[in-house]
Amino acid sequence: MELEPIAQSLSKLPEQFSCVDWPDALHDVPESRCHWFSTRGREEFKRLLKNLPLCPLYIEFGTFLGAGSTTFALESRKDLQAICLDNWEIATIEEESKPLNYKDKDGNVCGFARGEGEALKHCQNNLWEYRSRVHLLRTTTSHVTVDILANAGLQPDCVFIDDDHGKEPFLKRLFRCRYRWPNSLIVCDDYCKAWPGVIEGVAEAFRRGWYREDESQMLGNRMIAFKRNR
């Protein structure tokens, strides 16, 4: 999807979608490139991204600090445009859920985990070099969000779902993505025992016939991708 149509579609979004402006310079917060994006499955994910058409549009539900899947997608395709949705309201990292790069090479805990700087500021710093290709939408997401984006004319080539991991919210998002964006590659993170809602949601999607099992594939041990066969 080309830049001008993306901008036109974004301008049609309702007021609850706050398009975040990029600052003139990096925020004065300590580096926090911490994330939970599994190292396993990255090559498979990259291969799928490489197979997308020219100038692909990537929509991500749940970007948080932007250092994991978001950065990886932008690094994998130099022509990829990203629309990142999050409310950026998480203020800390739970001790029992430490991310990758929780500490820097000197053993210092990342700044965000120390409570230094808001999530959005860290996200903008982490995505700074890609800012010409990234549109940040500050909003609370739900399955209705998919309809609003689609009604505005946004047609992504790839959707990455990584926000609410409860079975019903996840299932509703997957349902709307399947029917509003039937030709899109849908990638779901955290398809693992730690997040039973995602596993149960995928099983229910198969049961309801939204996708067949041969239209899905595992990417490493935590991601599952869906694409309708033609």
Protein backbone atom coordinates (compact mmCIF):
# COMPACT_ATOMS: atom_id res chain seq x y z
CA MET A 1 0.00 0.00 0.00
CA GLU A 2 1.55 3.31 -1.08
CA LEU A 3 2.34 6.20 1.25
CA GLU A 4 -0.31 8.63 0.02
CA PRO A 5 -3.24 6.18 0.30
CA ILE A 6 -2.04 5.24 3.81
CA ALA A 7 -2.01 8.91 4.84
CA GLN A 8 -5.46 9.43 3.33
CA SER A 9 -6.83 6.41 5.20
CA LEU A 10 -5.29 7.53 8.50
CA SER A 11 -6.94 10.93 8.09
CA LYS A 12 -10.35 9.20 7.99
CA LEU A 13 -9.95 7.54 11.38
CA PRO A 14 -12.20 8.75 14.24
CA GLU A 15 -10.97 10.91 17.09
CA GLN A 16 -10.21 8.04 19.47
CA PHE A 17 -7.29 7.13 17.20
CA SER A 18 -4.55 9.54 18.20
CA CYS A 19 -1.82 9.73 15.55
CA VAL A 20 1.36 10.32 17.54
CA ASP A 21 3.73 12.92 16.14
CA TRP A 22 7.43 12.17 16.13
CA PRO A 23 9.53 14.55 18.25
CA ASP A 24 12.28 16.69 16.74
CA ALA A 25 14.94 14.69 18.61
CA LEU A 26 15.32 11.54 20.65
CA HIS A 27 13.74 11.57 24.09
CA ASP A 28 16.10 11.97 27.01
CA VAL A 29 15.50 8.51 28.47
CA PRO A 30 17.98 5.65 28.95
CA GLU A 31 18.14 2.97 26.27
CA SER A 32 15.60 0.20 26.71
CA ARG A 33 15.73 -2.24 23.82
CA CYS A 34 14.03 -4.90 25.92
CA HIS A 35 11.40 -7.16 24.32
CA TRP A 36 9.91 -10.65 24.42
CA PHE A 37 10.24 -11.47 20.69
CA SER A 38 11.51 -15.05 20.60
CA THR A 39 14.76 -15.72 18.78
CA ARG A 40 13.28 -18.98 17.49
CA GLY A 41 11.07 -18.49 14.47
CA ARG A 42 12.66 -15.26 13.30
CA GLU A 43 14.00 -16.72 10.08
CA GLU A 44 10.61 -18.21 9.22
CA PHE A 45 8.96 -14.88 9.97
CA LYS A 46 11.51 -13.05 7.83
CA ARG A 47 10.87 -15.46 4.96
CA LEU A 48 7.14 -14.74 5.12
CA LEU A 49 7.82 -11.00 5.17
CA LYS A 50 10.14 -11.32 2.17
CA ASN A 51 7.33 -12.99 0.23
CA LEU A 52 4.98 -10.04 0.70
CA PRO A 53 4.39 -7.74 -2.31
CA LEU A 54 6.29 -4.51 -2.90
CA CYS A 55 5.82 -1.75 -0.30
CA PRO A 56 3.88 -3.98 2.08
CA LEU A 57 1.68 -2.55 4.81
CA TYR A 58 2.23 -4.12 8.23
CA ILE A 59 -0.30 -3.50 11.01
CA GLU A 60 0.67 -4.46 14.54
CA PHE A 61 -1.69 -4.75 17.51
CA GLY A 62 0.38 -4.31 20.66
CA THR A 63 3.70 -2.62 19.84
CA PHE A 64 4.73 -1.65 23.39
CA LEU A 65 8.42 -0.65 23.33
CA GLY A 66 8.84 -1.43 19.63
CA ALA A 67 12.16 -3.24 20.08
CA GLY A 68 11.00 -6.76 19.18
CA SER A 69 8.68 -7.76 16.34
CA THR A 70 8.28 -4.17 15.12
CA THR A 71 11.99 -3.51 14.70
CA PHE A 72 12.50 -6.96 13.21
CA ALA A 73 9.81 -6.41 10.56
CA LEU A 74 11.22 -3.00 9.62
CA GLU A 75 14.74 -4.41 9.41
CA SER A 76 13.57 -7.34 7.27
CA ARG A 77 11.90 -5.18 4.60
CA LYS A 78 13.32 -1.76 3.75
CA ASP A 79 10.11 -0.90 1.84
CA LEU A 80 7.72 -1.96 4.62
CA GLN A 81 5.33 0.60 6.10
CA ALA A 82 4.17 -0.05 9.65
CA ILE A 83 1.06 1.06 11.51
CA CYS A 84 1.57 0.37 15.21
CA LEU A 85 -1.33 0.39 17.65
CA ASP A 86 -1.00 0.51 21.43
CA ASN A 87 -2.25 2.57 24.36
CA TRP A 88 1.28 2.68 25.82
CA GLU A 89 -0.19 2.67 29.33
CA ILE A 90 2.00 -0.10 30.76
CA ALA A 91 4.28 1.63 33.23
CA THR A 92 6.61 -1.15 34.34
CA ILE A 93 7.84 -4.68 33.69
CA GLU A 94 6.82 -7.37 36.14
CA GLU A 95 9.76 -9.02 37.87
CA GLU A 96 8.53 -12.53 36.96
CA SER A 97 8.22 -11.65 33.28
CA LYS A 98 11.68 -10.42 32.38
CA PRO A 99 12.18 -9.71 28.65
CA LEU A 100 15.20 -10.28 26.46
CA ASN A 101 17.82 -7.54 26.82
CA TYR A 102 16.55 -6.86 30.34
CA LYS A 103 20.11 -5.82 31.13
CA ASP A 104 22.71 -4.12 28.96
CA LYS A 105 26.23 -5.41 28.35
CA ASP A 106 27.39 -3.81 31.59
CA GLY A 107 24.73 -5.61 33.62
CA ASN A 108 22.52 -2.57 34.17
CA VAL A 109 18.75 -3.13 34.18
CA CYS A 110 17.14 -1.33 31.22
CA GLY A 111 15.83 2.14 31.94
CA PHE A 112 12.16 1.36 31.43
CA ALA A 113 12.31 -1.48 33.94
CA ARG A 114 13.83 1.00 36.40
CA GLY A 115 10.82 3.27 35.88
CA GLU A 116 12.73 5.86 33.86
CA GLY A 117 10.65 7.19 30.99
CA GLU A 118 7.20 6.39 29.61
CA ALA A 119 6.64 3.44 27.31
CA LEU A 120 5.79 5.63 24.32
CA LYS A 121 9.02 7.60 24.64
CA HIS A 122 11.06 4.40 24.71
CA CYS A 123 9.09 3.10 21.72
CA GLN A 124 9.82 6.22 19.70
CA ASN A 125 13.51 6.05 20.58
CA ASN A 126 13.68 2.37 19.61
CA LEU A 127 11.98 3.03 16.25
CA TRP A 128 13.69 6.37 15.61
CA GLU A 129 15.72 5.35 12.57
CA TYR A 130 12.57 3.95 10.92
CA ARG A 131 10.29 6.87 11.76
CA SER A 132 9.65 7.79 8.10
CA ARG A 133 8.01 4.37 7.71
CA VAL A 134 6.18 4.10 11.03
CA HIS A 135 2.76 5.48 11.99
CA LEU A 136 2.01 5.29 15.70
CA LEU A 137 -1.67 5.17 16.69
CA ARG A 138 -2.36 5.59 20.39
CA THR A 139 -5.63 3.83 21.14
CA THR A 140 -7.19 1.01 23.09
CA THR A 141 -7.59 -1.91 20.68
CA SER A 142 -10.39 -4.43 20.28
CA HIS A 143 -11.98 -6.42 17.46
CA VAL A 144 -13.90 -3.25 16.54
CA THR A 145 -10.53 -1.63 15.79
CA VAL A 146 -10.15 -3.96 12.81
CA ASP A 147 -13.46 -2.79 11.36
CA ILE A 148 -12.56 0.88 11.85
CA LEU A 149 -9.21 0.46 10.11
CA ALA A 150 -10.75 -1.52 7.26
CA ASN A 151 -13.57 1.00 6.83
CA ALA A 152 -10.96 3.75 6.50
CA GLY A 153 -9.49 1.85 3.53
CA LEU A 154 -6.45 0.27 5.15
CA GLN A 155 -5.64 -3.11 3.60
CA PRO A 156 -2.57 -4.64 5.24
CA ASP A 157 -0.43 -7.33 3.69
CA CYS A 158 0.53 -8.59 7.14
CA VAL A 159 -1.14 -8.26 10.55
CA PHE A 160 0.69 -9.05 13.79
CA ILE A 161 -1.56 -9.72 16.82
CA ASP A 162 0.11 -9.32 20.21
CA ASP A 163 -2.21 -7.37 22.49
CA ASP A 164 -4.99 -9.00 24.55
CA HIS A 165 -4.16 -12.70 25.10
CA GLY A 166 -7.50 -13.77 26.58
CA LYS A 167 -9.36 -16.37 24.55
CA GLU A 168 -12.43 -14.30 23.67
CA PRO A 169 -10.63 -11.03 22.81
CA PHE A 170 -8.04 -12.92 20.78
CA LEU A 171 -10.70 -14.96 18.98
CA LYS A 172 -12.71 -11.86 18.10
CA ARG A 173 -9.64 -10.11 16.68
CA LEU A 174 -8.70 -13.14 14.60
CA PHE A 175 -12.28 -13.41 13.32
CA ARG A 176 -12.39 -9.77 12.20
CA CYS A 177 -8.94 -9.97 10.60
CA ARG A 178 -9.95 -13.10 8.71
CA TYR A 179 -13.11 -11.56 7.25
CA ARG A 180 -12.12 -7.93 6.79
CA TRP A 181 -8.64 -8.73 5.45
CA PRO A 182 -9.07 -12.16 3.84
CA ASN A 183 -5.91 -11.91 1.73
CA SER A 184 -3.64 -10.80 4.56
CA LEU A 185 -0.99 -12.86 6.29
CA ILE A 186 -2.02 -13.02 9.96
CA VAL A 187 0.72 -13.72 12.51
CA CYS A 188 -0.18 -14.36 16.16
CA ASP A 189 2.43 -14.14 18.87
CA ASP A 190 2.50 -16.10 22.16
CA TYR A 191 0.92 -19.28 20.84
CA CYS A 192 2.38 -21.25 23.74
CA LYS A 193 1.50 -22.84 27.10
CA ALA A 194 2.21 -19.61 28.93
CA TRP A 195 -0.76 -18.04 27.16
CA PRO A 196 -3.55 -20.66 27.07
CA GLY A 197 -6.08 -18.14 25.78
CA VAL A 198 -4.21 -17.90 22.47
CA ILE A 199 -3.95 -21.69 22.15
CA GLU A 200 -7.65 -22.10 22.92
CA GLY A 201 -8.56 -19.31 20.52
CA VAL A 202 -6.64 -20.90 17.65
CA ALA A 203 -8.28 -24.28 18.33
CA GLU A 204 -11.69 -22.62 18.25
CA ALA A 205 -10.87 -20.83 14.98
CA PHE A 206 -10.04 -24.18 13.40
CA ARG A 207 -13.22 -25.70 14.80
CA ARG A 208 -15.32 -22.91 13.32
CA GLY A 209 -13.64 -23.25 9.95
CA TRP A 210 -12.12 -19.80 9.71
CA TYR A 211 -8.85 -21.43 8.71
CA ARG A 212 -7.86 -25.00 7.98
CA GLU A 213 -4.84 -26.43 9.70
CA ASP A 214 -3.02 -26.65 6.36
CA GLU A 215 -3.48 -22.87 6.11
CA SER A 216 -1.41 -22.32 9.25
CA GLN A 217 2.22 -22.81 10.18
CA MET A 218 4.30 -22.53 13.31
CA LEU A 219 7.11 -20.01 13.34
CA GLY A 220 9.48 -21.31 15.95
CA ASN A 221 7.87 -22.19 19.26
CA ARG A 222 5.75 -19.10 20.00
CA MET A 223 4.20 -17.76 16.78
CA ILE A 224 1.59 -19.13 14.42
CA ALA A 225 0.79 -17.70 11.00
CA PHE A 226 -2.39 -17.97 8.93
CA LYS A 227 -2.91 -17.46 5.20
CA ARG A 228 -5.88 -18.61 3.19
CA ASN A 229 -5.01 -20.94 0.32
CA ARG A 230 -6.10 -19.66 -3.07
